[in-house]
Amino acid sequence: MEKIGEIIAEHRHREGPLLPILHAVQEEFGCVDADSEALIANGLNLSRADVHGVVSFYHDFLDKPDLRPVVQICRAEACKARGVEQIMDAATAAAGERVKLTTVYCLGLCSAGPAARVGDRLHARLDGPALAQVIENA
């Protein structure tokens, strides 16, 4: 777990280093497991309960890796008004077990919804077939 020590050292100087460290660990290992929580707590002189409380509060942090590609679908009010709920069944069918669909509440494309994100790439003005294509390409 030498890499976690490097991540802690890289972010320790920041004000409020816990979230950046957790994100970096998640990116590096695909999860923030119990062992990682303990190392982070020790490295920041926090209790493991403090670290676990933050990890368990945010749904983005996983306790074990999920190697499937992730498609985030905006289901905020603006995207709902533009029809996202009507295309969710098609999205679920297109994803099957191969792609993980997650709900987010605002991707900042409110006037161009329904919207989705895969990694850093945003997709706007989606209908059922376009969302299915985004999922298939994930």
C-alpha atoms as a PDB file:
ATOM      1  CA  MET A   1       0.000   0.000   0.000  1.00  0.00           C
ATOM      2  CA  GLU A   2       2.934   2.252  -0.673  1.00  0.00           C
ATOM      3  CA  LYS A   3       0.902   4.048  -3.344  1.00  0.00           C
ATOM      4  CA  ILE A   4      -1.629   5.209  -0.747  1.00  0.00           C
ATOM      5  CA  GLY A   5       1.217   6.739   1.245  1.00  0.00           C
ATOM      6  CA  GLU A   6       2.310   8.605  -1.881  1.00  0.00           C
ATOM      7  CA  ILE A   7      -1.242   9.844  -2.470  1.00  0.00           C
ATOM      8  CA  ILE A   8      -1.516  11.053   1.128  1.00  0.00           C
ATOM      9  CA  ALA A   9       1.843  12.838   0.876  1.00  0.00           C
ATOM     10  CA  GLU A  10       0.771  14.487  -2.376  1.00  0.00           C
ATOM     11  CA  HIS A  11      -2.427  15.944  -0.861  1.00  0.00           C
ATOM     12  CA  ARG A  12      -1.572  16.322   2.844  1.00  0.00           C
ATOM     13  CA  HIS A  13      -0.626  20.003   2.440  1.00  0.00           C
ATOM     14  CA  ARG A  14      -4.048  20.958   1.079  1.00  0.00           C
ATOM     15  CA  GLU A  15      -6.758  22.455   3.200  1.00  0.00           C
ATOM     16  CA  GLY A  16      -9.292  19.663   3.636  1.00  0.00           C
ATOM     17  CA  PRO A  17      -7.192  16.873   2.072  1.00  0.00           C
ATOM     18  CA  LEU A  18      -9.540  13.965   2.799  1.00  0.00           C
ATOM     19  CA  LEU A  19     -11.820  14.179  -0.252  1.00  0.00           C
ATOM     20  CA  PRO A  20      -8.987  14.682  -2.761  1.00  0.00           C
ATOM     21  CA  ILE A  21      -7.189  11.705  -1.210  1.00  0.00           C
ATOM     22  CA  LEU A  22     -10.302   9.535  -1.366  1.00  0.00           C
ATOM     23  CA  HIS A  23     -10.875  10.455  -5.009  1.00  0.00           C
ATOM     24  CA  ALA A  24      -7.245   9.702  -5.877  1.00  0.00           C
ATOM     25  CA  VAL A  25      -7.376   6.325  -4.102  1.00  0.00           C
ATOM     26  CA  GLN A  26     -10.659   5.479  -5.847  1.00  0.00           C
ATOM     27  CA  GLU A  27      -9.136   6.403  -9.204  1.00  0.00           C
ATOM     28  CA  GLU A  28      -5.961   4.412  -8.572  1.00  0.00           C
ATOM     29  CA  PHE A  29      -7.496   1.232  -7.142  1.00  0.00           C
ATOM     30  CA  GLY A  30     -11.134   1.378  -8.265  1.00  0.00           C
ATOM     31  CA  CYS A  31     -12.351   1.490  -4.661  1.00  0.00           C
ATOM     32  CA  VAL A  32     -11.688   2.719  -1.151  1.00  0.00           C
ATOM     33  CA  ASP A  33     -11.711  -0.486   0.880  1.00  0.00           C
ATOM     34  CA  ALA A  34     -11.394  -0.905   4.658  1.00  0.00           C
ATOM     35  CA  ASP A  35      -7.605  -1.257   4.503  1.00  0.00           C
ATOM     36  CA  SER A  36      -7.340   1.965   2.506  1.00  0.00           C
ATOM     37  CA  GLU A  37      -9.610   3.749   4.981  1.00  0.00           C
ATOM     38  CA  ALA A  38      -7.343   2.677   7.845  1.00  0.00           C
ATOM     39  CA  LEU A  39      -4.191   3.862   6.060  1.00  0.00           C
ATOM     40  CA  ILE A  40      -5.769   7.197   5.174  1.00  0.00           C
ATOM     41  CA  ALA A  41      -7.019   7.684   8.735  1.00  0.00           C
ATOM     42  CA  ASN A  42      -3.560   6.964  10.095  1.00  0.00           C
ATOM     43  CA  GLY A  43      -1.882   9.220   7.535  1.00  0.00           C
ATOM     44  CA  LEU A  44      -4.160  12.158   8.335  1.00  0.00           C
ATOM     45  CA  ASN A  45      -4.335  11.518  12.098  1.00  0.00           C
ATOM     46  CA  LEU A  46      -8.096  10.923  11.900  1.00  0.00           C
ATOM     47  CA  SER A  47     -10.170   8.121  13.327  1.00  0.00           C
ATOM     48  CA  ARG A  48     -11.160   5.350  10.968  1.00  0.00           C
ATOM     49  CA  ALA A  49     -14.767   6.255  11.808  1.00  0.00           C
ATOM     50  CA  ASP A  50     -14.162   9.787  10.493  1.00  0.00           C
ATOM     51  CA  VAL A  51     -12.843   8.447   7.200  1.00  0.00           C
ATOM     52  CA  HIS A  52     -15.495   5.739   6.893  1.00  0.00           C
ATOM     53  CA  GLY A  53     -18.223   8.291   7.590  1.00  0.00           C
ATOM     54  CA  VAL A  54     -17.128  10.330   4.578  1.00  0.00           C
ATOM     55  CA  VAL A  55     -16.669   7.255   2.358  1.00  0.00           C
ATOM     56  CA  SER A  56     -20.096   5.882   3.240  1.00  0.00           C
ATOM     57  CA  PHE A  57     -21.802   9.274   2.823  1.00  0.00           C
ATOM     58  CA  TYR A  58     -20.768   9.734  -0.818  1.00  0.00           C
ATOM     59  CA  HIS A  59     -22.166   7.163  -3.226  1.00  0.00           C
ATOM     60  CA  ASP A  60     -19.254   7.595  -5.636  1.00  0.00           C
ATOM     61  CA  PHE A  61     -16.888   5.717  -3.333  1.00  0.00           C
ATOM     62  CA  LEU A  62     -16.973   1.935  -3.661  1.00  0.00           C
ATOM     63  CA  ASP A  63     -15.740  -0.598  -1.123  1.00  0.00           C
ATOM     64  CA  LYS A  64     -14.755  -3.038  -3.862  1.00  0.00           C
ATOM     65  CA  PRO A  65     -13.864  -2.402  -7.511  1.00  0.00           C
ATOM     66  CA  ASP A  66     -16.575  -2.457 -10.163  1.00  0.00           C
ATOM     67  CA  LEU A  67     -14.785  -2.732 -13.494  1.00  0.00           C
ATOM     68  CA  ARG A  68     -17.843  -2.045 -15.615  1.00  0.00           C
ATOM     69  CA  PRO A  69     -17.966   1.216 -17.538  1.00  0.00           C
ATOM     70  CA  VAL A  70     -20.177   3.831 -15.869  1.00  0.00           C
ATOM     71  CA  VAL A  71     -22.801   5.947 -17.599  1.00  0.00           C
ATOM     72  CA  GLN A  72     -24.162   8.739 -15.434  1.00  0.00           C
ATOM     73  CA  ILE A  73     -27.654   9.842 -16.402  1.00  0.00           C
ATOM     74  CA  CYS A  74     -29.017  13.171 -15.212  1.00  0.00           C
ATOM     75  CA  ARG A  75     -32.413  12.789 -13.591  1.00  0.00           C
ATOM     76  CA  ALA A  76     -32.754  16.310 -12.205  1.00  0.00           C
ATOM     77  CA  GLU A  77     -35.903  18.334 -12.787  1.00  0.00           C
ATOM     78  CA  ALA A  78     -34.806  19.934 -16.063  1.00  0.00           C
ATOM     79  CA  CYS A  79     -33.923  16.583 -17.621  1.00  0.00           C
ATOM     80  CA  LYS A  80     -37.152  15.108 -16.247  1.00  0.00           C
ATOM     81  CA  ALA A  81     -39.071  17.902 -17.928  1.00  0.00           C
ATOM     82  CA  ARG A  82     -37.276  17.054 -21.165  1.00  0.00           C
ATOM     83  CA  GLY A  83     -38.230  13.355 -20.995  1.00  0.00           C
ATOM     84  CA  VAL A  84     -35.428  11.430 -19.289  1.00  0.00           C
ATOM     85  CA  GLU A  85     -37.845   9.197 -17.364  1.00  0.00           C
ATOM     86  CA  GLN A  86     -39.451   8.012 -20.607  1.00  0.00           C
ATOM     87  CA  ILE A  87     -36.114   6.701 -21.901  1.00  0.00           C
ATOM     88  CA  MET A  88     -34.862   5.016 -18.716  1.00  0.00           C
ATOM     89  CA  ASP A  89     -36.362   1.584 -19.532  1.00  0.00           C
ATOM     90  CA  ALA A  90     -34.509   1.568 -22.859  1.00  0.00           C
ATOM     91  CA  ALA A  91     -31.329   2.677 -21.080  1.00  0.00           C
ATOM     92  CA  THR A  92     -31.614  -0.113 -18.531  1.00  0.00           C
ATOM     93  CA  ALA A  93     -32.178  -2.673 -21.276  1.00  0.00           C
ATOM     94  CA  ALA A  94     -29.206  -1.388 -23.277  1.00  0.00           C
ATOM     95  CA  ALA A  95     -26.942  -1.486 -20.209  1.00  0.00           C
ATOM     96  CA  GLY A  96     -27.812  -4.995 -19.094  1.00  0.00           C
ATOM     97  CA  GLU A  97     -25.131  -6.226 -16.700  1.00  0.00           C
ATOM     98  CA  ARG A  98     -22.246  -4.909 -18.839  1.00  0.00           C
ATOM     99  CA  VAL A  99     -22.617  -1.196 -18.054  1.00  0.00           C
ATOM    100  CA  LYS A 100     -23.314   0.419 -14.692  1.00  0.00           C
ATOM    101  CA  LEU A 101     -25.950   3.155 -14.871  1.00  0.00           C
ATOM    102  CA  THR A 102     -25.887   5.754 -12.134  1.00  0.00           C
ATOM    103  CA  THR A 103     -28.173   8.657 -11.454  1.00  0.00           C
ATOM    104  CA  VAL A 104     -26.779  12.157 -11.025  1.00  0.00           C
ATOM    105  CA  TYR A 105     -28.656  15.332 -10.296  1.00  0.00           C
ATOM    106  CA  CYS A 106     -27.381  17.924 -12.743  1.00  0.00           C
ATOM    107  CA  LEU A 107     -24.631  17.772 -15.296  1.00  0.00           C
ATOM    108  CA  GLY A 108     -25.030  21.465 -16.082  1.00  0.00           C
ATOM    109  CA  LEU A 109     -26.773  20.885 -19.406  1.00  0.00           C
ATOM    110  CA  CYS A 110     -30.242  21.841 -18.240  1.00  0.00           C
ATOM    111  CA  SER A 111     -31.291  23.473 -21.504  1.00  0.00           C
ATOM    112  CA  ALA A 112     -29.950  20.565 -23.565  1.00  0.00           C
ATOM    113  CA  GLY A 113     -31.260  17.534 -21.658  1.00  0.00           C
ATOM    114  CA  PRO A 114     -31.709  14.713 -21.274  1.00  0.00           C
ATOM    115  CA  ALA A 115     -27.997  14.437 -20.620  1.00  0.00           C
ATOM    116  CA  ALA A 116     -25.493  11.741 -19.705  1.00  0.00           C
ATOM    117  CA  ARG A 117     -21.788  11.529 -18.953  1.00  0.00           C
ATOM    118  CA  VAL A 118     -19.258   8.799 -19.639  1.00  0.00           C
ATOM    119  CA  GLY A 119     -15.941   9.658 -18.020  1.00  0.00           C
ATOM    120  CA  ASP A 120     -15.250  13.273 -18.941  1.00  0.00           C
ATOM    121  CA  ARG A 121     -17.454  13.220 -22.021  1.00  0.00           C
ATOM    122  CA  LEU A 122     -20.900  14.805 -21.897  1.00  0.00           C
ATOM    123  CA  HIS A 123     -23.803  13.830 -24.139  1.00  0.00           C
ATOM    124  CA  ALA A 124     -26.813  16.104 -24.579  1.00  0.00           C
ATOM    125  CA  ARG A 125     -30.231  16.144 -26.250  1.00  0.00           C
ATOM    126  CA  LEU A 126     -30.566  12.391 -25.835  1.00  0.00           C
ATOM    127  CA  ASP A 127     -33.559  10.382 -26.917  1.00  0.00           C
ATOM    128  CA  GLY A 128     -33.965   6.627 -26.395  1.00  0.00           C
ATOM    129  CA  PRO A 129     -31.846   5.489 -29.373  1.00  0.00           C
ATOM    130  CA  ALA A 130     -29.125   8.092 -28.739  1.00  0.00           C
ATOM    131  CA  LEU A 131     -28.847   7.116 -25.073  1.00  0.00           C
ATOM    132  CA  ALA A 132     -28.743   3.440 -26.017  1.00  0.00           C
ATOM    133  CA  GLN A 133     -25.869   4.244 -28.409  1.00  0.00           C
ATOM    134  CA  VAL A 134     -23.972   6.101 -25.654  1.00  0.00           C
ATOM    135  CA  ILE A 135     -24.399   3.069 -23.405  1.00  0.00           C
ATOM    136  CA  GLU A 136     -23.324   0.613 -26.087  1.00  0.00           C
ATOM    137  CA  ASN A 137     -20.195   2.687 -26.789  1.00  0.00           C
ATOM    138  CA  ALA A 138     -19.262   2.946 -23.091  1.00  0.00           C
END
